[in-house]
PDB file of N, CA and C in Angstrom:
ATOM      1  N   UNK A   1       5.158  -5.349  41.030  1.00  0.00           N
ATOM      2  CA  UNK A   1       4.288  -6.493  41.067  1.00  0.00           C
ATOM      3  C   UNK A   1       4.956  -7.671  40.381  1.00  0.00           C
ATOM      4  N   UNK A   2       4.868  -8.790  40.964  1.00  0.00           N
ATOM      5  CA  UNK A   2       5.435  -9.994  40.365  1.00  0.00           C
ATOM      6  C   UNK A   2       4.381 -10.659  39.498  1.00  0.00           C
ATOM      7  N   UNK A   3       4.816 -11.202  38.351  1.00  0.00           N
ATOM      8  CA  UNK A   3       3.870 -11.893  37.484  1.00  0.00           C
ATOM      9  C   UNK A   3       3.744 -13.338  37.927  1.00  0.00           C
ATOM     10  N   UNK A   4       2.545 -13.832  37.873  1.00  0.00           N
ATOM     11  CA  UNK A   4       2.333 -15.223  38.277  1.00  0.00           C
ATOM     12  C   UNK A   4       2.700 -16.148  37.128  1.00  0.00           C
ATOM     13  N   UNK A   5       3.026 -17.381  37.450  1.00  0.00           N
ATOM     14  CA  UNK A   5       3.419 -18.349  36.440  1.00  0.00           C
ATOM     15  C   UNK A   5       2.225 -18.809  35.616  1.00  0.00           C
ATOM     16  N   UNK A   6       1.004 -18.524  36.067  1.00  0.00           N
ATOM     17  CA  UNK A   6      -0.172 -18.970  35.337  1.00  0.00           C
ATOM     18  C   UNK A   6      -0.656 -17.940  34.321  1.00  0.00           C
ATOM     19  N   UNK A   7       0.023 -16.810  34.199  1.00  0.00           N
ATOM     20  CA  UNK A   7      -0.394 -15.815  33.219  1.00  0.00           C
ATOM     21  C   UNK A   7      -0.115 -16.349  31.806  1.00  0.00           C
ATOM     22  N   UNK A   8      -0.929 -15.945  30.808  1.00  0.00           N
ATOM     23  CA  UNK A   8      -0.761 -16.449  29.456  1.00  0.00           C
ATOM     24  C   UNK A   8       0.614 -16.156  28.867  1.00  0.00           C
ATOM     25  N   UNK A   9       1.174 -14.986  29.175  1.00  0.00           N
ATOM     26  CA  UNK A   9       2.474 -14.631  28.609  1.00  0.00           C
ATOM     27  C   UNK A   9       3.580 -15.513  29.178  1.00  0.00           C
ATOM     28  N   UNK A  10       3.485 -15.836  30.463  1.00  0.00           N
ATOM     29  CA  UNK A  10       4.519 -16.652  31.103  1.00  0.00           C
ATOM     30  C   UNK A  10       4.488 -18.085  30.583  1.00  0.00           C
ATOM     31  N   UNK A  11       3.302 -18.630  30.313  1.00  0.00           N
ATOM     32  CA  UNK A  11       3.201 -20.011  29.847  1.00  0.00           C
ATOM     33  C   UNK A  11       3.318 -20.117  28.338  1.00  0.00           C
ATOM     34  N   UNK A  12       3.081 -19.029  27.625  1.00  0.00           N
ATOM     35  CA  UNK A  12       3.145 -19.073  26.170  1.00  0.00           C
ATOM     36  C   UNK A  12       1.855 -19.571  25.548  1.00  0.00           C
ATOM     37  N   UNK A  13       0.804 -19.748  26.319  1.00  0.00           N
ATOM     38  CA  UNK A  13      -0.485 -20.209  25.820  1.00  0.00           C
ATOM     39  C   UNK A  13      -1.575 -19.234  26.236  1.00  0.00           C
ATOM     40  N   UNK A  14      -2.634 -19.101  25.424  1.00  0.00           N
ATOM     41  CA  UNK A  14      -3.739 -18.204  25.810  1.00  0.00           C
ATOM     42  C   UNK A  14      -4.556 -18.794  26.949  1.00  0.00           C
ATOM     43  N   UNK A  15      -5.354 -17.970  27.574  1.00  0.00           N
ATOM     44  CA  UNK A  15      -6.227 -18.426  28.648  1.00  0.00           C
ATOM     45  C   UNK A  15      -7.250 -19.411  28.079  1.00  0.00           C
ATOM     46  N   UNK A  16      -7.787 -20.247  28.919  1.00  0.00           N
ATOM     47  CA  UNK A  16      -8.763 -21.259  28.509  1.00  0.00           C
ATOM     48  C   UNK A  16     -10.003 -20.609  27.909  1.00  0.00           C
ATOM     49  N   UNK A  17     -10.411 -21.067  26.726  1.00  0.00           N
ATOM     50  CA  UNK A  17     -11.597 -20.538  26.069  1.00  0.00           C
ATOM     51  C   UNK A  17     -11.389 -19.209  25.383  1.00  0.00           C
ATOM     52  N   UNK A  18     -10.153 -18.757  25.270  1.00  0.00           N
ATOM     53  CA  UNK A  18      -9.844 -17.474  24.636  1.00  0.00           C
ATOM     54  C   UNK A  18      -9.096 -17.696  23.323  1.00  0.00           C
ATOM     55  N   UNK A  19      -9.057 -16.676  22.506  1.00  0.00           N
ATOM     56  CA  UNK A  19      -8.426 -16.729  21.186  1.00  0.00           C
ATOM     57  C   UNK A  19      -6.928 -16.995  21.309  1.00  0.00           C
ATOM     58  N   UNK A  20      -6.396 -17.796  20.392  1.00  0.00           N
ATOM     59  CA  UNK A  20      -4.985 -18.140  20.404  1.00  0.00           C
ATOM     60  C   UNK A  20      -4.117 -17.224  19.566  1.00  0.00           C
ATOM     61  N   UNK A  21      -4.669 -16.130  19.064  1.00  0.00           N
ATOM     62  CA  UNK A  21      -3.906 -15.195  18.238  1.00  0.00           C
ATOM     63  C   UNK A  21      -3.092 -14.263  19.130  1.00  0.00           C
ATOM     64  N   UNK A  22      -1.783 -14.174  18.874  1.00  0.00           N
ATOM     65  CA  UNK A  22      -0.912 -13.308  19.660  1.00  0.00           C
ATOM     66  C   UNK A  22      -0.858 -11.939  18.999  1.00  0.00           C
ATOM     67  N   UNK A  23      -1.294 -10.920  19.710  1.00  0.00           N
ATOM     68  CA  UNK A  23      -1.298  -9.544  19.204  1.00  0.00           C
ATOM     69  C   UNK A  23       0.059  -8.946  19.531  1.00  0.00           C
ATOM     70  N   UNK A  24       0.898  -8.835  18.520  1.00  0.00           N
ATOM     71  CA  UNK A  24       2.276  -8.377  18.707  1.00  0.00           C
ATOM     72  C   UNK A  24       2.331  -6.949  19.243  1.00  0.00           C
ATOM     73  N   UNK A  25       1.432  -6.088  18.750  1.00  0.00           N
ATOM     74  CA  UNK A  25       1.434  -4.687  19.166  1.00  0.00           C
ATOM     75  C   UNK A  25       1.162  -4.546  20.664  1.00  0.00           C
ATOM     76  N   UNK A  26       0.284  -5.405  21.188  1.00  0.00           N
ATOM     77  CA  UNK A  26      -0.065  -5.337  22.601  1.00  0.00           C
ATOM     78  C   UNK A  26       0.736  -6.314  23.446  1.00  0.00           C
ATOM     79  N   UNK A  27       1.509  -7.167  22.794  1.00  0.00           N
ATOM     80  CA  UNK A  27       2.352  -8.157  23.455  1.00  0.00           C
ATOM     81  C   UNK A  27       1.539  -9.061  24.392  1.00  0.00           C
ATOM     82  N   UNK A  28       0.400  -9.522  23.859  1.00  0.00           N
ATOM     83  CA  UNK A  28      -0.447 -10.448  24.616  1.00  0.00           C
ATOM     84  C   UNK A  28      -1.357 -11.186  23.637  1.00  0.00           C
ATOM     85  N   UNK A  29      -2.023 -12.212  24.139  1.00  0.00           N
ATOM     86  CA  UNK A  29      -2.979 -12.940  23.314  1.00  0.00           C
ATOM     87  C   UNK A  29      -4.294 -12.174  23.250  1.00  0.00           C
ATOM     88  N   UNK A  30      -5.020 -12.373  22.164  1.00  0.00           N
ATOM     89  CA  UNK A  30      -6.343 -11.781  22.018  1.00  0.00           C
ATOM     90  C   UNK A  30      -7.238 -12.339  23.121  1.00  0.00           C
ATOM     91  N   UNK A  31      -8.079 -11.498  23.683  1.00  0.00           N
ATOM     92  CA  UNK A  31      -8.922 -11.928  24.810  1.00  0.00           C
ATOM     93  C   UNK A  31     -10.351 -12.253  24.404  1.00  0.00           C
ATOM     94  N   UNK A  32     -10.618 -12.306  23.088  1.00  0.00           N
ATOM     95  CA  UNK A  32     -11.966 -12.622  22.617  1.00  0.00           C
ATOM     96  C   UNK A  32     -12.289 -14.091  22.906  1.00  0.00           C
ATOM     97  N   UNK A  33     -13.564 -14.368  23.146  1.00  0.00           N
ATOM     98  CA  UNK A  33     -14.021 -15.730  23.413  1.00  0.00           C
ATOM     99  C   UNK A  33     -14.129 -16.474  22.086  1.00  0.00           C
ATOM    100  N   UNK A  34     -13.770 -17.749  22.083  1.00  0.00           N
ATOM    101  CA  UNK A  34     -13.839 -18.562  20.868  1.00  0.00           C
ATOM    102  C   UNK A  34     -15.050 -19.481  20.916  1.00  0.00           C
ATOM    103  N   UNK A  35     -15.487 -19.924  19.750  1.00  0.00           N
ATOM    104  CA  UNK A  35     -16.597 -20.870  19.664  1.00  0.00           C
ATOM    105  C   UNK A  35     -16.109 -22.252  20.094  1.00  0.00           C
ATOM    106  N   UNK A  36     -17.034 -23.106  20.433  1.00  0.00           N
ATOM    107  CA  UNK A  36     -16.685 -24.455  20.884  1.00  0.00           C
ATOM    108  C   UNK A  36     -15.933 -25.198  19.778  1.00  0.00           C
ATOM    109  N   UNK A  37     -14.799 -25.761  20.120  1.00  0.00           N
ATOM    110  CA  UNK A  37     -14.002 -26.517  19.168  1.00  0.00           C
ATOM    111  C   UNK A  37     -13.105 -25.679  18.271  1.00  0.00           C
ATOM    112  N   UNK A  38     -13.110 -24.384  18.435  1.00  0.00           N
ATOM    113  CA  UNK A  38     -12.274 -23.497  17.616  1.00  0.00           C
ATOM    114  C   UNK A  38     -11.090 -23.009  18.424  1.00  0.00           C
ATOM    115  N   UNK A  39     -10.062 -22.558  17.703  1.00  0.00           N
ATOM    116  CA  UNK A  39      -8.852 -22.065  18.357  1.00  0.00           C
ATOM    117  C   UNK A  39      -8.769 -20.536  18.330  1.00  0.00           C
ATOM    118  N   UNK A  40      -9.405 -19.929  17.310  1.00  0.00           N
ATOM    119  CA  UNK A  40      -9.340 -18.481  17.139  1.00  0.00           C
ATOM    120  C   UNK A  40     -10.738 -17.881  17.170  1.00  0.00           C
ATOM    121  N   UNK A  41     -10.826 -16.604  17.553  1.00  0.00           N
ATOM    122  CA  UNK A  41     -12.103 -15.883  17.536  1.00  0.00           C
ATOM    123  C   UNK A  41     -12.467 -15.570  16.078  1.00  0.00           C
ATOM    124  N   UNK A  42     -13.634 -15.029  15.851  1.00  0.00           N
ATOM    125  CA  UNK A  42     -14.079 -14.713  14.502  1.00  0.00           C
ATOM    126  C   UNK A  42     -13.201 -13.695  13.801  1.00  0.00           C
ATOM    127  N   UNK A  43     -12.641 -12.771  14.540  1.00  0.00           N
ATOM    128  CA  UNK A  43     -11.792 -11.737  13.948  1.00  0.00           C
ATOM    129  C   UNK A  43     -10.464 -12.301  13.467  1.00  0.00           C
ATOM    130  N   UNK A  44      -9.940 -13.288  14.156  1.00  0.00           N
ATOM    131  CA  UNK A  44      -8.635 -13.842  13.810  1.00  0.00           C
ATOM    132  C   UNK A  44      -8.729 -15.226  13.179  1.00  0.00           C
ATOM    133  N   UNK A  45      -9.919 -15.615  12.741  1.00  0.00           N
ATOM    134  CA  UNK A  45     -10.098 -16.931  12.134  1.00  0.00           C
ATOM    135  C   UNK A  45      -9.259 -17.065  10.860  1.00  0.00           C
ATOM    136  N   UNK A  46      -8.996 -15.953  10.190  1.00  0.00           N
ATOM    137  CA  UNK A  46      -8.177 -15.986   8.980  1.00  0.00           C
ATOM    138  C   UNK A  46      -6.719 -16.292   9.271  1.00  0.00           C
ATOM    139  N   UNK A  47      -6.296 -16.139  10.511  1.00  0.00           N
ATOM    140  CA  UNK A  47      -4.909 -16.421  10.884  1.00  0.00           C
ATOM    141  C   UNK A  47      -4.640 -17.917  10.915  1.00  0.00           C
ATOM    142  N   UNK A  48      -5.683 -18.707  11.049  1.00  0.00           N
ATOM    143  CA  UNK A  48      -5.529 -20.161  11.117  1.00  0.00           C
ATOM    144  C   UNK A  48      -5.615 -20.750   9.713  1.00  0.00           C
ATOM    145  N   UNK A  49      -4.592 -21.450   9.315  1.00  0.00           N
ATOM    146  CA  UNK A  49      -4.630 -22.136   8.027  1.00  0.00           C
ATOM    147  C   UNK A  49      -5.250 -23.513   8.244  1.00  0.00           C
ATOM    148  N   UNK A  50      -6.569 -23.502   8.386  1.00  0.00           N
ATOM    149  CA  UNK A  50      -7.286 -24.748   8.608  1.00  0.00           C
ATOM    150  C   UNK A  50      -7.853 -25.234   7.286  1.00  0.00           C
ATOM    151  N   UNK A  51      -8.568 -26.334   7.308  1.00  0.00           N
ATOM    152  CA  UNK A  51      -9.199 -26.858   6.103  1.00  0.00           C
ATOM    153  C   UNK A  51     -10.329 -25.949   5.631  1.00  0.00           C
ATOM    154  N   UNK A  52     -10.747 -25.070   6.483  1.00  0.00           N
ATOM    155  CA  UNK A  52     -11.807 -24.129   6.158  1.00  0.00           C
ATOM    156  C   UNK A  52     -11.266 -23.114   5.149  1.00  0.00           C
ATOM    157  N   UNK A  53     -11.824 -23.079   3.949  1.00  0.00           N
ATOM    158  CA  UNK A  53     -11.302 -22.223   2.881  1.00  0.00           C
ATOM    159  C   UNK A  53     -12.042 -20.885   2.806  1.00  0.00           C
ATOM    160  N   UNK A  54     -12.880 -20.564   3.764  1.00  0.00           N
ATOM    161  CA  UNK A  54     -13.608 -19.302   3.751  1.00  0.00           C
ATOM    162  C   UNK A  54     -12.645 -18.149   3.994  1.00  0.00           C
ATOM    163  N   UNK A  55     -12.832 -17.077   3.246  1.00  0.00           N
ATOM    164  CA  UNK A  55     -11.927 -15.935   3.332  1.00  0.00           C
ATOM    165  C   UNK A  55     -12.651 -14.753   3.952  1.00  0.00           C
ATOM    166  N   UNK A  56     -11.997 -14.070   4.870  1.00  0.00           N
ATOM    167  CA  UNK A  56     -12.562 -12.876   5.496  1.00  0.00           C
ATOM    168  C   UNK A  56     -12.009 -11.646   4.794  1.00  0.00           C
ATOM    169  N   UNK A  57     -12.886 -10.668   4.567  1.00  0.00           N
ATOM    170  CA  UNK A  57     -12.497  -9.416   3.933  1.00  0.00           C
ATOM    171  C   UNK A  57     -12.972  -8.262   4.809  1.00  0.00           C
ATOM    172  N   UNK A  58     -12.428  -7.075   4.580  1.00  0.00           N
ATOM    173  CA  UNK A  58     -12.857  -5.892   5.317  1.00  0.00           C
ATOM    174  C   UNK A  58     -14.259  -5.504   4.878  1.00  0.00           C
ATOM    175  N   UNK A  59     -15.058  -5.061   5.811  1.00  0.00           N
ATOM    176  CA  UNK A  59     -16.410  -4.587   5.499  1.00  0.00           C
ATOM    177  C   UNK A  59     -16.273  -3.307   4.680  1.00  0.00           C
ATOM    178  N   UNK A  60     -16.962  -3.205   3.528  1.00  0.00           N
ATOM    179  CA  UNK A  60     -16.839  -1.991   2.717  1.00  0.00           C
ATOM    180  C   UNK A  60     -17.472  -0.758   3.368  1.00  0.00           C
ATOM    181  N   UNK A  61     -18.388  -0.961   4.298  1.00  0.00           N
ATOM    182  CA  UNK A  61     -19.028   0.168   4.967  1.00  0.00           C
ATOM    183  C   UNK A  61     -18.209   0.682   6.145  1.00  0.00           C
ATOM    184  N   UNK A  62     -17.515  -0.225   6.830  1.00  0.00           N
ATOM    185  CA  UNK A  62     -16.717   0.132   8.005  1.00  0.00           C
ATOM    186  C   UNK A  62     -15.512  -0.800   8.076  1.00  0.00           C
ATOM    187  N   UNK A  63     -14.331  -0.348   7.674  1.00  0.00           N
ATOM    188  CA  UNK A  63     -13.163  -1.241   7.651  1.00  0.00           C
ATOM    189  C   UNK A  63     -12.617  -1.601   9.028  1.00  0.00           C
ATOM    190  N   UNK A  64     -13.336  -1.253  10.093  1.00  0.00           N
ATOM    191  CA  UNK A  64     -12.878  -1.627  11.426  1.00  0.00           C
ATOM    192  C   UNK A  64     -13.219  -3.070  11.765  1.00  0.00           C
ATOM    193  N   UNK A  65     -14.048  -3.710  10.947  1.00  0.00           N
ATOM    194  CA  UNK A  65     -14.354  -5.109  11.199  1.00  0.00           C
ATOM    195  C   UNK A  65     -14.352  -5.888   9.883  1.00  0.00           C
ATOM    196  N   UNK A  66     -14.317  -7.219   9.991  1.00  0.00           N
ATOM    197  CA  UNK A  66     -14.252  -8.079   8.819  1.00  0.00           C
ATOM    198  C   UNK A  66     -15.499  -8.944   8.732  1.00  0.00           C
ATOM    199  N   UNK A  67     -15.693  -9.529   7.559  1.00  0.00           N
ATOM    200  CA  UNK A  67     -16.852 -10.380   7.297  1.00  0.00           C
ATOM    201  C   UNK A  67     -16.413 -11.455   6.304  1.00  0.00           C
ATOM    202  N   UNK A  68     -17.072 -12.634   6.382  1.00  0.00           N
ATOM    203  CA  UNK A  68     -16.771 -13.676   5.407  1.00  0.00           C
ATOM    204  C   UNK A  68     -17.200 -13.207   4.021  1.00  0.00           C
ATOM    205  N   UNK A  69     -16.373 -13.513   3.027  1.00  0.00           N
ATOM    206  CA  UNK A  69     -16.622 -13.052   1.668  1.00  0.00           C
ATOM    207  C   UNK A  69     -17.939 -13.598   1.119  1.00  0.00           C
ATOM    208  N   UNK A  70     -18.263 -14.836   1.450  1.00  0.00           N
ATOM    209  CA  UNK A  70     -19.492 -15.435   0.932  1.00  0.00           C
ATOM    210  C   UNK A  70     -20.743 -14.926   1.651  1.00  0.00           C
ATOM    211  N   UNK A  71     -20.596 -14.225   2.768  1.00  0.00           N
ATOM    212  CA  UNK A  71     -21.733 -13.681   3.501  1.00  0.00           C
ATOM    213  C   UNK A  71     -21.815 -12.160   3.397  1.00  0.00           C
ATOM    214  N   UNK A  72     -21.104 -11.569   2.451  1.00  0.00           N
ATOM    215  CA  UNK A  72     -21.038 -10.114   2.338  1.00  0.00           C
ATOM    216  C   UNK A  72     -22.405  -9.497   2.050  1.00  0.00           C
ATOM    217  N   UNK A  73     -23.170 -10.065   1.120  1.00  0.00           N
ATOM    218  CA  UNK A  73     -24.475  -9.502   0.768  1.00  0.00           C
ATOM    219  C   UNK A  73     -25.405  -9.486   1.979  1.00  0.00           C
ATOM    220  N   UNK A  74     -25.420 -10.551   2.743  1.00  0.00           N
ATOM    221  CA  UNK A  74     -26.269 -10.615   3.946  1.00  0.00           C
ATOM    222  C   UNK A  74     -25.794  -9.612   4.990  1.00  0.00           C
ATOM    223  N   UNK A  75     -24.471  -9.493   5.135  1.00  0.00           N
ATOM    224  CA  UNK A  75     -23.914  -8.571   6.126  1.00  0.00           C
ATOM    225  C   UNK A  75     -24.241  -7.113   5.797  1.00  0.00           C
ATOM    226  N   UNK A  76     -24.193  -6.750   4.513  1.00  0.00           N
ATOM    227  CA  UNK A  76     -24.439  -5.359   4.119  1.00  0.00           C
ATOM    228  C   UNK A  76     -25.858  -4.920   4.455  1.00  0.00           C
ATOM    229  N   UNK A  77     -26.805  -5.867   4.532  1.00  0.00           N
ATOM    230  CA  UNK A  77     -28.187  -5.530   4.869  1.00  0.00           C
ATOM    231  C   UNK A  77     -28.355  -5.212   6.348  1.00  0.00           C
ATOM    232  N   UNK A  78     -27.495  -5.797   7.204  1.00  0.00           N
ATOM    233  CA  UNK A  78     -27.684  -5.620   8.642  1.00  0.00           C
ATOM    234  C   UNK A  78     -26.532  -4.919   9.354  1.00  0.00           C
ATOM    235  N   UNK A  79     -25.513  -4.497   8.617  1.00  0.00           N
ATOM    236  CA  UNK A  79     -24.359  -3.832   9.219  1.00  0.00           C
ATOM    237  C   UNK A  79     -24.797  -2.521   9.877  1.00  0.00           C
ATOM    238  N   UNK A  80     -24.358  -2.287  11.084  1.00  0.00           N
ATOM    239  CA  UNK A  80     -24.733  -1.067  11.807  1.00  0.00           C
ATOM    240  C   UNK A  80     -24.126   0.190  11.200  1.00  0.00           C
ATOM    241  N   UNK A  81     -23.149   0.044  10.322  1.00  0.00           N
ATOM    242  CA  UNK A  81     -22.499   1.202   9.714  1.00  0.00           C
ATOM    243  C   UNK A  81     -23.152   1.623   8.405  1.00  0.00           C
ATOM    244  N   UNK A  82     -24.228   0.963   7.989  1.00  0.00           N
ATOM    245  CA  UNK A  82     -24.883   1.318   6.724  1.00  0.00           C
ATOM    246  C   UNK A  82     -25.636   2.646   6.870  1.00  0.00           C
ATOM    247  N   UNK A  83     -25.902   3.273   5.743  1.00  0.00           N
ATOM    248  CA  UNK A  83     -26.660   4.529   5.736  1.00  0.00           C
ATOM    249  C   UNK A  83     -28.100   4.231   6.131  1.00  0.00           C
ATOM    250  N   UNK A  84     -28.557   4.865   7.159  1.00  0.00           N
ATOM    251  CA  UNK A  84     -29.922   4.645   7.642  1.00  0.00           C
ATOM    252  C   UNK A  84     -30.876   5.581   6.892  1.00  0.00           C
ATOM    253  N   UNK A  85     -32.098   5.152   6.644  1.00  0.00           N
ATOM    254  CA  UNK A  85     -33.047   6.047   5.961  1.00  0.00           C
ATOM    255  C   UNK A  85     -33.402   7.240   6.851  1.00  0.00           C
ATOM    256  N   UNK A  86     -33.500   8.399   6.240  1.00  0.00           N
ATOM    257  CA  UNK A  86     -33.826   9.628   6.979  1.00  0.00           C
ATOM    258  C   UNK A  86     -35.333   9.658   7.272  1.00  0.00           C
ATOM    259  N   UNK A  87     -35.739  10.234   8.393  1.00  0.00           N
ATOM    260  CA  UNK A  87     -37.172  10.366   8.689  1.00  0.00           C
ATOM    261  C   UNK A  87     -37.852  11.283   7.668  1.00  0.00           C
ATOM    262  N   UNK A  88     -39.170  11.164   7.550  1.00  0.00           N
ATOM    263  CA  UNK A  88     -39.926  11.961   6.575  1.00  0.00           C
ATOM    264  C   UNK A  88     -39.798  13.460   6.817  1.00  0.00           C
ATOM    265  N   UNK A  89     -39.657  13.860   8.067  1.00  0.00           N
ATOM    266  CA  UNK A  89     -39.603  15.285   8.383  1.00  0.00           C
ATOM    267  C   UNK A  89     -38.218  15.898   8.199  1.00  0.00           C
ATOM    268  N   UNK A  90     -37.209  15.102   7.861  1.00  0.00           N
ATOM    269  CA  UNK A  90     -35.841  15.598   7.713  1.00  0.00           C
ATOM    270  C   UNK A  90     -35.683  16.351   6.394  1.00  0.00           C
ATOM    271  N   UNK A  91     -35.124  17.566   6.468  1.00  0.00           N
ATOM    272  CA  UNK A  91     -34.816  18.351   5.272  1.00  0.00           C
ATOM    273  C   UNK A  91     -33.345  18.757   5.377  1.00  0.00           C
ATOM    274  N   UNK A  92     -32.564  18.394   4.367  1.00  0.00           N
ATOM    275  CA  UNK A  92     -31.128  18.669   4.350  1.00  0.00           C
ATOM    276  C   UNK A  92     -30.859  20.172   4.444  1.00  0.00           C
ATOM    277  N   UNK A  93     -29.981  20.581   5.340  1.00  0.00           N
ATOM    278  CA  UNK A  93     -29.512  21.963   5.511  1.00  0.00           C
ATOM    279  C   UNK A  93     -30.644  22.967   5.773  1.00  0.00           C
ATOM    280  N   UNK A  94     -31.667  22.591   6.500  1.00  0.00           N
ATOM    281  CA  UNK A  94     -32.791  23.489   6.752  1.00  0.00           C
ATOM    282  C   UNK A  94     -32.363  24.677   7.612  1.00  0.00           C
ATOM    283  N   UNK A  95     -31.430  24.497   8.529  1.00  0.00           N
ATOM    284  CA  UNK A  95     -30.980  25.576   9.409  1.00  0.00           C
ATOM    285  C   UNK A  95     -29.584  26.082   9.072  1.00  0.00           C
ATOM    286  N   UNK A  96     -29.112  25.797   7.867  1.00  0.00           N
ATOM    287  CA  UNK A  96     -27.757  26.162   7.495  1.00  0.00           C
ATOM    288  C   UNK A  96     -27.603  27.637   7.158  1.00  0.00           C
ATOM    289  N   UNK A  97     -28.683  28.308   6.902  1.00  0.00           N
ATOM    290  CA  UNK A  97     -28.577  29.716   6.511  1.00  0.00           C
ATOM    291  C   UNK A  97     -28.423  29.839   5.010  1.00  0.00           C
ATOM    292  N   UNK A  98     -28.082  31.038   4.562  1.00  0.00           N
ATOM    293  CA  UNK A  98     -27.927  31.260   3.129  1.00  0.00           C
ATOM    294  C   UNK A  98     -26.600  30.698   2.646  1.00  0.00           C
ATOM    295  N   UNK A  99     -26.615  30.163   1.446  1.00  0.00           N
ATOM    296  CA  UNK A  99     -25.410  29.545   0.904  1.00  0.00           C
ATOM    297  C   UNK A  99     -24.433  30.584   0.362  1.00  0.00           C
ATOM    298  N   UNK A 100     -24.956  31.694  -0.134  1.00  0.00           N
ATOM    299  CA  UNK A 100     -24.097  32.705  -0.741  1.00  0.00           C
ATOM    300  C   UNK A 100     -24.621  34.086  -0.323  1.00  0.00           C
ATOM    301  N   UNK A 101     -23.741  35.017  -0.086  1.00  0.00           N
ATOM    302  CA  UNK A 101     -24.159  36.348   0.358  1.00  0.00           C
ATOM    303  C   UNK A 101     -24.917  37.107  -0.716  1.00  0.00           C
ATOM    304  N   UNK A 102     -24.763  36.714  -1.957  1.00  0.00           N
ATOM    305  CA  UNK A 102     -25.473  37.400  -3.038  1.00  0.00           C
ATOM    306  C   UNK A 102     -26.957  37.062  -3.029  1.00  0.00           C
ATOM    307  N   UNK A 103     -27.377  36.084  -2.258  1.00  0.00           N
ATOM    308  CA  UNK A 103     -28.788  35.715  -2.186  1.00  0.00           C
ATOM    309  C   UNK A 103     -29.574  36.607  -1.227  1.00  0.00           C
ATOM    310  N   UNK A 104     -28.896  37.486  -0.480  1.00  0.00           N
ATOM    311  CA  UNK A 104     -29.575  38.337   0.496  1.00  0.00           C
ATOM    312  C   UNK A 104     -30.421  39.367  -0.253  1.00  0.00           C
ATOM    313  N   UNK A 105     -31.710  39.392  -0.005  1.00  0.00           N
ATOM    314  CA  UNK A 105     -32.552  40.399  -0.687  1.00  0.00           C
ATOM    315  C   UNK A 105     -32.170  41.807  -0.212  1.00  0.00           C
ATOM    316  N   UNK A 106     -32.241  42.767  -1.109  1.00  0.00           N
ATOM    317  CA  UNK A 106     -31.836  44.146  -0.825  1.00  0.00           C
ATOM    318  C   UNK A 106     -32.699  44.799   0.248  1.00  0.00           C
ATOM    319  N   UNK A 107     -33.987  44.469   0.314  1.00  0.00           N
ATOM    320  CA  UNK A 107     -34.848  45.132   1.302  1.00  0.00           C
ATOM    321  C   UNK A 107     -34.535  44.674   2.717  1.00  0.00           C
ATOM    322  N   UNK A 108     -33.892  43.523   2.910  1.00  0.00           N
ATOM    323  CA  UNK A 108     -33.533  43.068   4.251  1.00  0.00           C
ATOM    324  C   UNK A 108     -32.239  43.704   4.755  1.00  0.00           C
ATOM    325  N   UNK A 109     -31.448  44.270   3.870  1.00  0.00           N
ATOM    326  CA  UNK A 109     -30.145  44.814   4.249  1.00  0.00           C
ATOM    327  C   UNK A 109     -30.244  46.182   4.830  1.00  0.00           C
TER     328      UNK A 109
END
């Protein structure tokens, strides 16, 4: 297959409305959509040394995504990776069986 001259790699620029961060491992530009007037997506906003001094850090609950440092408290309340409350009927290890063989009553053996 021949590559077209309009592909992002051939021109050296990302597609219109897409992130301008070049992912070296994949040898292509990030394909995430950017906000109006921005050059990078939210994940790669830290790659741009802009006047914006906000710093992104790894989420402490799930290091697969990042969050702005000043919004960490708000993010921890709504992050999908947080520990969810257990239902009232949940009992830990209810069907696990006996923990130790010495707990087996003699009359059952």
